Full PDB file with SEQRES, HELIX, SHEET, SSBOND, CRYST1, ORIGX, SCALE, CONECT and MASTER records, all heavy atoms in Angstrom:
SEQRES   1 A   38  MET LEU ASN ILE ARG LYS ALA ALA GLU LEU GLY TRP GLU          
SEQRES   2 A   38  PHE GLY GLU PRO PRO GLU PRO ILE ILE TRP SER GLY TYR          
SEQRES   3 A   38  PHE MET TRP MET VAL LEU MET GLU ALA LEU ARG ARG              
HELIX    1 AA1 ILE A    4  LEU A   10  1                                   7    
HELIX    2 AA2 GLU A   19  ARG A   37  1                                  19    
CRYST1    1.000    1.000    1.000  90.00  90.00  90.00 P 1           1          
ORIGX1      1.000000  0.000000  0.000000        0.00000                         
ORIGX2      0.000000  1.000000  0.000000        0.00000                         
ORIGX3      0.000000  0.000000  1.000000        0.00000                         
SCALE1      1.000000  0.000000  0.000000        0.00000                         
SCALE2      0.000000  1.000000  0.000000        0.00000                         
SCALE3      0.000000  0.000000  1.000000        0.00000                         
ATOM      1  N   MET A   1    -144.378-191.962  79.463  1.00  0.00           N  
ATOM      2  CA  MET A   1    -145.002-192.162  80.773  1.00  0.00           C  
ATOM      3  C   MET A   1    -143.946-192.485  81.842  1.00  0.00           C  
ATOM      4  O   MET A   1    -144.008-191.979  82.969  1.00  0.00           O  
ATOM      5  CB  MET A   1    -146.033-193.287  80.698  1.00  0.00           C  
ATOM      6  CG  MET A   1    -146.840-193.509  81.969  1.00  0.00           C  
ATOM      7  SD  MET A   1    -146.037-194.680  83.107  1.00  0.00           S  
ATOM      8  CE  MET A   1    -146.049-196.168  82.122  1.00  0.00           C  
ATOM      9  N   LEU A   2    -142.966-193.307  81.475  1.00  0.00           N  
ATOM     10  CA  LEU A   2    -141.915-193.675  82.425  1.00  0.00           C  
ATOM     11  C   LEU A   2    -141.055-192.473  82.821  1.00  0.00           C  
ATOM     12  O   LEU A   2    -140.474-192.449  83.911  1.00  0.00           O  
ATOM     13  CB  LEU A   2    -141.018-194.766  81.820  1.00  0.00           C  
ATOM     14  CG  LEU A   2    -141.639-196.150  81.646  1.00  0.00           C  
ATOM     15  CD1 LEU A   2    -140.634-197.103  81.002  1.00  0.00           C  
ATOM     16  CD2 LEU A   2    -142.101-196.716  82.996  1.00  0.00           C  
ATOM     17  N   ASN A   3    -140.959-191.472  81.932  1.00  0.00           N  
ATOM     18  CA  ASN A   3    -140.063-190.348  82.173  1.00  0.00           C  
ATOM     19  C   ASN A   3    -140.778-189.070  82.610  1.00  0.00           C  
ATOM     20  O   ASN A   3    -140.100-188.071  82.891  1.00  0.00           O  
ATOM     21  CB  ASN A   3    -139.249-190.067  80.904  1.00  0.00           C  
ATOM     22  CG  ASN A   3    -138.161-191.090  80.676  1.00  0.00           C  
ATOM     23  OD1 ASN A   3    -137.064-190.986  81.232  1.00  0.00           O  
ATOM     24  ND2 ASN A   3    -138.463-192.081  79.844  1.00  0.00           N  
ATOM     25  N   ILE A   4    -142.107-189.083  82.661  1.00  0.00           N  
ATOM     26  CA  ILE A   4    -142.817-187.845  82.933  1.00  0.00           C  
ATOM     27  C   ILE A   4    -142.614-187.366  84.366  1.00  0.00           C  
ATOM     28  O   ILE A   4    -142.592-186.161  84.656  1.00  0.00           O  
ATOM     29  CB  ILE A   4    -144.328-187.987  82.607  1.00  0.00           C  
ATOM     30  CG1 ILE A   4    -145.005-186.620  82.547  1.00  0.00           C  
ATOM     31  CG2 ILE A   4    -145.012-188.885  83.616  1.00  0.00           C  
ATOM     32  CD1 ILE A   4    -144.559-185.749  81.416  1.00  0.00           C  
ATOM     33  N   ARG A   5    -142.419-188.294  85.314  1.00  0.00           N  
ATOM     34  CA  ARG A   5    -142.168-187.896  86.704  1.00  0.00           C  
ATOM     35  C   ARG A   5    -140.829-187.166  86.796  1.00  0.00           C  
ATOM     36  O   ARG A   5    -140.720-186.119  87.453  1.00  0.00           O  
ATOM     37  CB  ARG A   5    -142.187-189.107  87.616  1.00  0.00           C  
ATOM     38  CG  ARG A   5    -142.014-188.776  89.112  1.00  0.00           C  
ATOM     39  CD  ARG A   5    -142.059-190.042  89.961  1.00  0.00           C  
ATOM     40  NE  ARG A   5    -143.372-190.652  89.988  1.00  0.00           N  
ATOM     41  CZ  ARG A   5    -144.228-190.534  90.994  1.00  0.00           C  
ATOM     42  NH1 ARG A   5    -143.899-189.817  92.054  1.00  0.00           N  
ATOM     43  NH2 ARG A   5    -145.405-191.117  90.957  1.00  0.00           N  
ATOM     44  N   LYS A   6    -139.826-187.710  86.140  1.00  0.00           N  
ATOM     45  CA  LYS A   6    -138.509-187.072  86.150  1.00  0.00           C  
ATOM     46  C   LYS A   6    -138.571-185.722  85.436  1.00  0.00           C  
ATOM     47  O   LYS A   6    -137.921-184.749  85.849  1.00  0.00           O  
ATOM     48  CB  LYS A   6    -137.484-187.991  85.484  1.00  0.00           C  
ATOM     49  CG  LYS A   6    -136.055-187.540  85.657  1.00  0.00           C  
ATOM     50  CD  LYS A   6    -135.089-188.584  85.104  1.00  0.00           C  
ATOM     51  CE  LYS A   6    -133.627-188.168  85.317  1.00  0.00           C  
ATOM     52  NZ  LYS A   6    -132.674-189.173  84.767  1.00  0.00           N  
ATOM     53  N   ALA A   7    -139.360-185.665  84.366  1.00  0.00           N  
ATOM     54  CA  ALA A   7    -139.510-184.393  83.638  1.00  0.00           C  
ATOM     55  C   ALA A   7    -140.106-183.319  84.544  1.00  0.00           C  
ATOM     56  O   ALA A   7    -139.688-182.158  84.496  1.00  0.00           O  
ATOM     57  CB  ALA A   7    -140.396-184.612  82.417  1.00  0.00           C  
ATOM     58  N   ALA A   8    -141.069-183.700  85.374  1.00  0.00           N  
ATOM     59  CA  ALA A   8    -141.670-182.727  86.289  1.00  0.00           C  
ATOM     60  C   ALA A   8    -140.672-182.269  87.346  1.00  0.00           C  
ATOM     61  O   ALA A   8    -140.634-181.093  87.714  1.00  0.00           O  
ATOM     62  CB  ALA A   8    -142.897-183.350  86.964  1.00  0.00           C  
ATOM     63  N   GLU A   9    -139.860-183.197  87.823  1.00  0.00           N  
ATOM     64  CA  GLU A   9    -138.871-182.853  88.857  1.00  0.00           C  
ATOM     65  C   GLU A   9    -137.791-181.928  88.316  1.00  0.00           C  
ATOM     66  O   GLU A   9    -137.319-181.012  89.009  1.00  0.00           O  
ATOM     67  CB  GLU A   9    -138.224-184.134  89.394  1.00  0.00           C  
ATOM     68  CG  GLU A   9    -139.192-185.022  90.177  1.00  0.00           C  
ATOM     69  CD  GLU A   9    -138.590-186.381  90.502  1.00  0.00           C  
ATOM     70  OE1 GLU A   9    -137.479-186.681  89.970  1.00  0.00           O  
ATOM     71  OE2 GLU A   9    -139.215-187.152  91.262  1.00  0.00           O  
ATOM     72  N   LEU A  10    -137.386-182.128  87.058  1.00  0.00           N  
ATOM     73  CA  LEU A  10    -136.268-181.370  86.487  1.00  0.00           C  
ATOM     74  C   LEU A  10    -136.710-180.226  85.586  1.00  0.00           C  
ATOM     75  O   LEU A  10    -135.869-179.514  85.024  1.00  0.00           O  
ATOM     76  CB  LEU A  10    -135.347-182.316  85.711  1.00  0.00           C  
ATOM     77  CG  LEU A  10    -134.726-183.461  86.533  1.00  0.00           C  
ATOM     78  CD1 LEU A  10    -133.866-184.364  85.634  1.00  0.00           C  
ATOM     79  CD2 LEU A  10    -133.880-182.900  87.679  1.00  0.00           C  
ATOM     80  N   GLY A  11    -138.026-180.057  85.412  1.00  0.00           N  
ATOM     81  CA  GLY A  11    -138.528-178.946  84.595  1.00  0.00           C  
ATOM     82  C   GLY A  11    -138.171-179.068  83.133  1.00  0.00           C  
ATOM     83  O   GLY A  11    -137.868-178.070  82.487  1.00  0.00           O  
ATOM     84  N   TRP A  12    -138.242-180.274  82.597  1.00  0.00           N  
ATOM     85  CA  TRP A  12    -137.827-180.478  81.205  1.00  0.00           C  
ATOM     86  C   TRP A  12    -138.737-179.753  80.198  1.00  0.00           C  
ATOM     87  O   TRP A  12    -138.314-179.469  79.085  1.00  0.00           O  
ATOM     88  CB  TRP A  12    -137.831-181.966  80.883  1.00  0.00           C  
ATOM     89  CG  TRP A  12    -136.619-182.682  81.419  1.00  0.00           C  
ATOM     90  CD1 TRP A  12    -135.496-182.115  81.935  1.00  0.00           C  
ATOM     91  CD2 TRP A  12    -136.422-184.097  81.481  1.00  0.00           C  
ATOM     92  NE1 TRP A  12    -134.599-183.091  82.322  1.00  0.00           N  
ATOM     93  CE2 TRP A  12    -135.147-184.317  82.047  1.00  0.00           C  
ATOM     94  CE3 TRP A  12    -137.180-185.211  81.116  1.00  0.00           C  
ATOM     95  CZ2 TRP A  12    -134.619-185.598  82.244  1.00  0.00           C  
ATOM     96  CZ3 TRP A  12    -136.682-186.478  81.313  1.00  0.00           C  
ATOM     97  CH2 TRP A  12    -135.418-186.673  81.871  1.00  0.00           C  
ATOM     98  N   GLU A  13    -140.008-179.474  80.572  1.00  0.00           N  
ATOM     99  CA  GLU A  13    -140.892-178.817  79.608  1.00  0.00           C  
ATOM    100  C   GLU A  13    -140.389-177.428  79.242  1.00  0.00           C  
ATOM    101  O   GLU A  13    -140.721-176.898  78.173  1.00  0.00           O  
ATOM    102  CB  GLU A  13    -142.329-178.757  80.126  1.00  0.00           C  
ATOM    103  CG  GLU A  13    -142.545-177.829  81.313  1.00  0.00           C  
ATOM    104  CD  GLU A  13    -142.416-178.558  82.641  1.00  0.00           C  
ATOM    105  OE1 GLU A  13    -141.633-179.522  82.726  1.00  0.00           O  
ATOM    106  OE2 GLU A  13    -143.107-178.155  83.577  1.00  0.00           O  
ATOM    107  N   PHE A  14    -139.575-176.805  80.133  1.00  0.00           N  
ATOM    108  CA  PHE A  14    -138.986-175.509  79.833  1.00  0.00           C  
ATOM    109  C   PHE A  14    -137.469-175.575  79.678  1.00  0.00           C  
ATOM    110  O   PHE A  14    -136.839-174.574  79.372  1.00  0.00           O  
ATOM    111  CB  PHE A  14    -139.322-174.508  80.958  1.00  0.00           C  
ATOM    112  CG  PHE A  14    -140.783-174.227  81.090  1.00  0.00           C  
ATOM    113  CD1 PHE A  14    -141.486-174.695  82.198  1.00  0.00           C  
ATOM    114  CD2 PHE A  14    -141.473-173.515  80.127  1.00  0.00           C  
ATOM    115  CE1 PHE A  14    -142.850-174.445  82.345  1.00  0.00           C  
ATOM    116  CE2 PHE A  14    -142.824-173.264  80.262  1.00  0.00           C  
ATOM    117  CZ  PHE A  14    -143.524-173.735  81.368  1.00  0.00           C  
ATOM    118  N   GLY A  15    -136.906-176.745  79.920  1.00  0.00           N  
ATOM    119  CA  GLY A  15    -135.447-176.890  79.870  1.00  0.00           C  
ATOM    120  C   GLY A  15    -134.991-177.646  78.649  1.00  0.00           C  
ATOM    121  O   GLY A  15    -135.550-177.490  77.549  1.00  0.00           O  
ATOM    122  N   GLU A  16    -133.986-178.468  78.851  1.00  0.00           N  
ATOM    123  CA  GLU A  16    -133.430-179.241  77.745  1.00  0.00           C  
ATOM    124  C   GLU A  16    -133.480-180.717  78.096  1.00  0.00           C  
ATOM    125  O   GLU A  16    -132.564-181.271  78.709  1.00  0.00           O  
ATOM    126  CB  GLU A  16    -131.982-178.803  77.476  1.00  0.00           C  
ATOM    127  CG  GLU A  16    -131.867-177.366  77.003  1.00  0.00           C  
ATOM    128  CD  GLU A  16    -130.419-176.972  76.697  1.00  0.00           C  
ATOM    129  OE1 GLU A  16    -129.538-177.850  76.804  1.00  0.00           O  
ATOM    130  OE2 GLU A  16    -130.193-175.820  76.320  1.00  0.00           O  
ATOM    131  N   PRO A  17    -134.553-181.416  77.712  1.00  0.00           N  
ATOM    132  CA  PRO A  17    -134.651-182.848  78.001  1.00  0.00           C  
ATOM    133  C   PRO A  17    -133.657-183.641  77.167  1.00  0.00           C  
ATOM    134  O   PRO A  17    -133.160-183.151  76.139  1.00  0.00           O  
ATOM    135  CB  PRO A  17    -136.090-183.184  77.618  1.00  0.00           C  
ATOM    136  CG  PRO A  17    -136.481-182.133  76.634  1.00  0.00           C  
ATOM    137  CD  PRO A  17    -135.751-180.892  77.036  1.00  0.00           C  
ATOM    138  N   PRO A  18    -133.368-184.872  77.552  1.00  0.00           N  
ATOM    139  CA  PRO A  18    -132.429-185.715  76.788  1.00  0.00           C  
ATOM    140  C   PRO A  18    -132.927-185.951  75.348  1.00  0.00           C  
ATOM    141  O   PRO A  18    -134.121-185.855  75.072  1.00  0.00           O  
ATOM    142  CB  PRO A  18    -132.391-187.018  77.581  1.00  0.00           C  
ATOM    143  CG  PRO A  18    -132.882-186.653  78.949  1.00  0.00           C  
ATOM    144  CD  PRO A  18    -133.842-185.529  78.760  1.00  0.00           C  
ATOM    145  N   GLU A  19    -132.006-186.272  74.474  1.00  0.00           N  
ATOM    146  CA  GLU A  19    -132.337-186.495  73.066  1.00  0.00           C  
ATOM    147  C   GLU A  19    -133.410-187.561  72.876  1.00  0.00           C  
ATOM    148  O   GLU A  19    -134.305-187.381  72.033  1.00  0.00           O  
ATOM    149  CB  GLU A  19    -131.068-186.876  72.286  1.00  0.00           C  
ATOM    150  CG  GLU A  19    -130.179-185.688  71.940  1.00  0.00           C  
ATOM    151  CD  GLU A  19    -130.861-184.726  70.972  1.00  0.00           C  
ATOM    152  OE1 GLU A  19    -131.387-185.192  69.930  1.00  0.00           O  
ATOM    153  OE2 GLU A  19    -130.905-183.529  71.254  1.00  0.00           O  
ATOM    154  N   PRO A  20    -133.360-188.713  73.612  1.00  0.00           N  
ATOM    155  CA  PRO A  20    -134.424-189.708  73.397  1.00  0.00           C  
ATOM    156  C   PRO A  20    -135.825-189.156  73.678  1.00  0.00           C  
ATOM    157  O   PRO A  20    -136.788-189.538  72.996  1.00  0.00           O  
ATOM    158  CB  PRO A  20    -134.051-190.820  74.389  1.00  0.00           C  
ATOM    159  CG  PRO A  20    -132.586-190.676  74.584  1.00  0.00           C  
ATOM    160  CD  PRO A  20    -132.314-189.212  74.522  1.00  0.00           C  
ATOM    161  N   ILE A  21    -135.928-188.274  74.655  1.00  0.00           N  
ATOM    162  CA  ILE A  21    -137.225-187.661  74.944  1.00  0.00           C  
ATOM    163  C   ILE A  21    -137.678-186.787  73.784  1.00  0.00           C  
ATOM    164  O   ILE A  21    -138.839-186.818  73.360  1.00  0.00           O  
ATOM    165  CB  ILE A  21    -137.162-186.829  76.254  1.00  0.00           C  
ATOM    166  CG1 ILE A  21    -136.834-187.708  77.452  1.00  0.00           C  
ATOM    167  CG2 ILE A  21    -138.460-186.068  76.482  1.00  0.00           C  
ATOM    168  CD1 ILE A  21    -137.917-188.673  77.823  1.00  0.00           C  
ATOM    169  N   ILE A  22    -136.748-186.004  73.250  1.00  0.00           N  
ATOM    170  CA  ILE A  22    -137.069-185.123  72.114  1.00  0.00           C  
ATOM    171  C   ILE A  22    -137.523-185.944  70.909  1.00  0.00           C  
ATOM    172  O   ILE A  22    -138.552-185.642  70.291  1.00  0.00           O  
ATOM    173  CB  ILE A  22    -135.855-184.246  71.752  1.00  0.00           C  
ATOM    174  CG1 ILE A  22    -135.601-183.208  72.865  1.00  0.00           C  
ATOM    175  CG2 ILE A  22    -136.084-183.541  70.424  1.00  0.00           C  
ATOM    176  CD1 ILE A  22    -136.711-182.199  73.037  1.00  0.00           C  
ATOM    177  N   TRP A  23    -136.774-187.006  70.579  1.00  0.00           N  
ATOM    178  CA  TRP A  23    -137.136-187.817  69.414  1.00  0.00           C  
ATOM    179  C   TRP A  23    -138.458-188.553  69.639  1.00  0.00           C  
ATOM    180  O   TRP A  23    -139.258-188.702  68.719  1.00  0.00           O  
ATOM    181  CB  TRP A  23    -136.022-188.789  69.065  1.00  0.00           C  
ATOM    182  CG  TRP A  23    -134.879-188.091  68.377  1.00  0.00           C  
ATOM    183  CD1 TRP A  23    -133.700-187.671  68.905  1.00  0.00           C  
ATOM    184  CD2 TRP A  23    -134.863-187.671  66.994  1.00  0.00           C  
ATOM    185  NE1 TRP A  23    -132.937-187.026  67.962  1.00  0.00           N  
ATOM    186  CE2 TRP A  23    -133.622-187.013  66.775  1.00  0.00           C  
ATOM    187  CE3 TRP A  23    -135.744-187.787  65.927  1.00  0.00           C  
ATOM    188  CZ2 TRP A  23    -133.261-186.499  65.538  1.00  0.00           C  
ATOM    189  CZ3 TRP A  23    -135.389-187.272  64.689  1.00  0.00           C  
ATOM    190  CH2 TRP A  23    -134.159-186.630  64.509  1.00  0.00           C  
ATOM    191  N   SER A  24    -138.694-188.976  70.865  1.00  0.00           N  
ATOM    192  CA  SER A  24    -139.992-189.577  71.186  1.00  0.00           C  
ATOM    193  C   SER A  24    -141.103-188.547  71.023  1.00  0.00           C  
ATOM    194  O   SER A  24    -142.208-188.862  70.551  1.00  0.00           O  
ATOM    195  CB  SER A  24    -139.995-190.101  72.624  1.00  0.00           C  
ATOM    196  OG  SER A  24    -139.053-191.133  72.796  1.00  0.00           O  
ATOM    197  N   GLY A  25    -140.801-187.291  71.406  1.00  0.00           N  
ATOM    198  CA  GLY A  25    -141.775-186.224  71.240  1.00  0.00           C  
ATOM    199  C   GLY A  25    -142.087-185.942  69.780  1.00  0.00           C  
ATOM    200  O   GLY A  25    -143.256-185.710  69.423  1.00  0.00           O  
ATOM    201  N   TYR A  26    -141.074-185.992  68.918  1.00  0.00           N  
ATOM    202  CA  TYR A  26    -141.307-185.807  67.480  1.00  0.00           C  
ATOM    203  C   TYR A  26    -142.279-186.866  66.955  1.00  0.00           C  
ATOM    204  O   TYR A  26    -143.230-186.564  66.212  1.00  0.00           O  
ATOM    205  CB  TYR A  26    -140.001-185.921  66.696  1.00  0.00           C  
ATOM    206  CG  TYR A  26    -139.003-184.804  66.930  1.00  0.00           C  
ATOM    207  CD1 TYR A  26    -137.637-184.997  66.679  1.00  0.00           C  
ATOM    208  CD2 TYR A  26    -139.399-183.556  67.392  1.00  0.00           C  
ATOM    209  CE1 TYR A  26    -136.707-183.996  66.884  1.00  0.00           C  
ATOM    210  CE2 TYR A  26    -138.471-182.538  67.614  1.00  0.00           C  
ATOM    211  CZ  TYR A  26    -137.127-182.775  67.353  1.00  0.00           C  
ATOM    212  OH  TYR A  26    -136.202-181.779  67.560  1.00  0.00           O  
ATOM    213  N   PHE A  27    -142.019-188.106  67.350  1.00  0.00           N  
ATOM    214  CA  PHE A  27    -142.866-189.197  66.870  1.00  0.00           C  
ATOM    215  C   PHE A  27    -144.282-189.051  67.416  1.00  0.00           C  
ATOM    216  O   PHE A  27    -145.269-189.231  66.681  1.00  0.00           O  
ATOM    217  CB  PHE A  27    -142.276-190.554  67.291  1.00  0.00           C  
ATOM    218  CG  PHE A  27    -143.049-191.728  66.776  1.00  0.00           C  
ATOM    219  CD1 PHE A  27    -142.879-192.179  65.477  1.00  0.00           C  
ATOM    220  CD2 PHE A  27    -143.985-192.381  67.572  1.00  0.00           C  
ATOM    221  CE1 PHE A  27    -143.604-193.255  64.986  1.00  0.00           C  
ATOM    222  CE2 PHE A  27    -144.721-193.460  67.106  1.00  0.00           C  
ATOM    223  CZ  PHE A  27    -144.516-193.903  65.801  1.00  0.00           C  
ATOM    224  N   MET A  28    -144.395-188.695  68.687  1.00  0.00           N  
ATOM    225  CA  MET A  28    -145.717-188.524  69.287  1.00  0.00           C  
ATOM    226  C   MET A  28    -146.478-187.399  68.612  1.00  0.00           C  
ATOM    227  O   MET A  28    -147.696-187.508  68.345  1.00  0.00           O  
ATOM    228  CB  MET A  28    -145.593-188.257  70.791  1.00  0.00           C  
ATOM    229  CG  MET A  28    -146.907-188.043  71.514  1.00  0.00           C  
ATOM    230  SD  MET A  28    -148.041-189.445  71.411  1.00  0.00           S  
ATOM    231  CE  MET A  28    -147.356-190.480  72.709  1.00  0.00           C  
ATOM    232  N   TRP A  29    -145.803-186.307  68.319  1.00  0.00           N  
ATOM    233  CA  TRP A  29    -146.423-185.179  67.597  1.00  0.00           C  
ATOM    234  C   TRP A  29    -147.000-185.668  66.275  1.00  0.00           C  
ATOM    235  O   TRP A  29    -148.141-185.355  65.899  1.00  0.00           O  
ATOM    236  CB  TRP A  29    -145.368-184.103  67.372  1.00  0.00           C  
ATOM    237  CG  TRP A  29    -145.893-182.744  67.016  1.00  0.00           C  
ATOM    238  CD1 TRP A  29    -147.106-182.441  66.466  1.00  0.00           C  
ATOM    239  CD2 TRP A  29    -145.210-181.500  67.184  1.00  0.00           C  
ATOM    240  NE1 TRP A  29    -147.210-181.073  66.274  1.00  0.00           N  
ATOM    241  CE2 TRP A  29    -146.056-180.476  66.695  1.00  0.00           C  
ATOM    242  CE3 TRP A  29    -143.955-181.138  67.670  1.00  0.00           C  
ATOM    243  CZ2 TRP A  29    -145.690-179.143  66.701  1.00  0.00           C  
ATOM    244  CZ3 TRP A  29    -143.586-179.797  67.666  1.00  0.00           C  
ATOM    245  CH2 TRP A  29    -144.445-178.808  67.197  1.00  0.00           C  
ATOM    246  N   MET A  30    -146.210-186.470  65.553  1.00  0.00           N  
ATOM    247  CA  MET A  30    -146.645-186.968  64.254  1.00  0.00           C  
ATOM    248  C   MET A  30    -147.875-187.871  64.381  1.00  0.00           C  
ATOM    249  O   MET A  30    -148.866-187.707  63.656  1.00  0.00           O  
ATOM    250  CB  MET A  30    -145.507-187.757  63.601  1.00  0.00           C  
ATOM    251  CG  MET A  30    -145.872-188.337  62.231  1.00  0.00           C  
ATOM    252  SD  MET A  30    -144.651-189.531  61.657  1.00  0.00           S  
ATOM    253  CE  MET A  30    -145.042-190.939  62.695  1.00  0.00           C  
ATOM    254  N   VAL A  31    -147.852-188.810  65.332  1.00  0.00           N  
ATOM    255  CA  VAL A  31    -148.984-189.737  65.429  1.00  0.00           C  
ATOM    256  C   VAL A  31    -150.229-189.032  65.980  1.00  0.00           C  
ATOM    257  O   VAL A  31    -151.358-189.426  65.656  1.00  0.00           O  
ATOM    258  CB  VAL A  31    -148.638-190.980  66.286  1.00  0.00           C  
ATOM    259  CG1 VAL A  31    -147.529-191.787  65.628  1.00  0.00           C  
ATOM    260  CG2 VAL A  31    -148.278-190.617  67.713  1.00  0.00           C  
ATOM    261  N   LEU A  32    -150.046-187.996  66.788  1.00  0.00           N  
ATOM    262  CA  LEU A  32    -151.200-187.231  67.257  1.00  0.00           C  
ATOM    263  C   LEU A  32    -151.911-186.553  66.093  1.00  0.00           C  
ATOM    264  O   LEU A  32    -153.144-186.522  66.025  1.00  0.00           O  
ATOM    265  CB  LEU A  32    -150.767-186.179  68.296  1.00  0.00           C  
ATOM    266  CG  LEU A  32    -150.424-186.692  69.682  1.00  0.00           C  
ATOM    267  CD1 LEU A  32    -149.809-185.564  70.514  1.00  0.00           C  
ATOM    268  CD2 LEU A  32    -151.650-187.252  70.388  1.00  0.00           C  
ATOM    269  N   MET A  33    -151.139-186.007  65.173  1.00  0.00           N  
ATOM    270  CA  MET A  33    -151.751-185.367  64.006  1.00  0.00           C  
ATOM    271  C   MET A  33    -152.404-186.401  63.089  1.00  0.00           C  
ATOM    272  O   MET A  33    -153.471-186.151  62.517  1.00  0.00           O  
ATOM    273  CB  MET A  33    -150.680-184.575  63.243  1.00  0.00           C  
ATOM    274  CG  MET A  33    -150.141-183.359  64.005  1.00  0.00           C  
ATOM    275  SD  MET A  33    -151.410-182.126  64.462  1.00  0.00           S  
ATOM    276  CE  MET A  33    -151.697-182.544  66.207  1.00  0.00           C  
ATOM    277  N   GLU A  34    -151.795-187.570  62.957  1.00  0.00           N  
ATOM    278  CA  GLU A  34    -152.408-188.618  62.141  1.00  0.00           C  
ATOM    279  C   GLU A  34    -153.679-189.134  62.793  1.00  0.00           C  
ATOM    280  O   GLU A  34    -154.676-189.399  62.114  1.00  0.00           O  
ATOM    281  CB  GLU A  34    -151.403-189.757  61.932  1.00  0.00           C  
ATOM    282  CG  GLU A  34    -151.960-190.979  61.229  1.00  0.00           C  
ATOM    283  CD  GLU A  34    -152.476-190.725  59.805  1.00  0.00           C  
ATOM    284  OE1 GLU A  34    -152.280-189.599  59.276  1.00  0.00           O  
ATOM    285  OE2 GLU A  34    -153.079-191.644  59.220  1.00  0.00           O  
ATOM    286  N   ALA A  35    -153.678-189.278  64.115  1.00  0.00           N  
ATOM    287  CA  ALA A  35    -154.895-189.691  64.826  1.00  0.00           C  
ATOM    288  C   ALA A  35    -155.995-188.642  64.656  1.00  0.00           C  
ATOM    289  O   ALA A  35    -157.173-188.979  64.484  1.00  0.00           O  
ATOM    290  CB  ALA A  35    -154.591-189.907  66.298  1.00  0.00           C  
ATOM    291  N   LEU A  36    -155.603-187.378  64.681  1.00  0.00           N  
ATOM    292  CA  LEU A  36    -156.561-186.292  64.482  1.00  0.00           C  
ATOM    293  C   LEU A  36    -157.166-186.369  63.082  1.00  0.00           C  
ATOM    294  O   LEU A  36    -158.377-186.179  62.898  1.00  0.00           O  
ATOM    295  CB  LEU A  36    -155.840-184.958  64.691  1.00  0.00           C  
ATOM    296  CG  LEU A  36    -156.676-183.722  65.057  1.00  0.00           C  
ATOM    297  CD1 LEU A  36    -157.392-183.941  66.370  1.00  0.00           C  
ATOM    298  CD2 LEU A  36    -155.781-182.491  65.133  1.00  0.00           C  
ATOM    299  N   ARG A  37    -156.321-186.664  62.092  1.00  0.00           N  
ATOM    300  CA  ARG A  37    -156.814-186.784  60.709  1.00  0.00           C  
ATOM    301  C   ARG A  37    -157.792-187.943  60.561  1.00  0.00           C  
ATOM    302  O   ARG A  37    -158.838-187.820  59.924  1.00  0.00           O  
ATOM    303  CB  ARG A  37    -155.643-186.968  59.742  1.00  0.00           C  
ATOM    304  CG  ARG A  37    -156.065-187.031  58.279  1.00  0.00           C  
ATOM    305  CD  ARG A  37    -154.909-187.396  57.370  1.00  0.00           C  
ATOM    306  NE  ARG A  37    -154.512-188.783  57.532  1.00  0.00           N  
ATOM    307  CZ  ARG A  37    -155.112-189.820  56.927  1.00  0.00           C  
ATOM    308  NH1 ARG A  37    -156.150-189.597  56.139  1.00  0.00           N  
ATOM    309  NH2 ARG A  37    -154.690-191.046  57.105  1.00  0.00           N  
ATOM    310  N   ARG A  38    -157.453-189.071  61.181  1.00  0.00           N  
ATOM    311  CA  ARG A  38    -158.303-190.251  61.010  1.00  0.00           C  
ATOM    312  C   ARG A  38    -159.645-190.107  61.726  1.00  0.00           C  
ATOM    313  O   ARG A  38    -160.662-190.600  61.228  1.00  0.00           O  
ATOM    314  CB  ARG A  38    -157.564-191.490  61.529  1.00  0.00           C  
ATOM    315  CG  ARG A  38    -156.352-191.863  60.692  1.00  0.00           C  
ATOM    316  CD  ARG A  38    -155.895-193.263  60.973  1.00  0.00           C  
ATOM    317  NE  ARG A  38    -154.702-193.603  60.219  1.00  0.00           N  
ATOM    318  CZ  ARG A  38    -154.306-194.837  59.968  1.00  0.00           C  
ATOM    319  NH1 ARG A  38    -155.013-195.861  60.426  1.00  0.00           N  
ATOM    320  NH2 ARG A  38    -153.191-195.073  59.268  1.00  0.00           N  
TER     321      ARG A  38                                                      
MASTER        0    0    0    2    0    0    0    6  320    1    0    3          
END                                                                             
């Protein structure tokens, strides 16, 4: 949430976001699937 404004300004969804964003995305992907299962 803290980084989504910067992501919109720099086009990170189609570009190359910083590593912490990517690793946070991996974790979020995992918990989204676990939430879906539960």
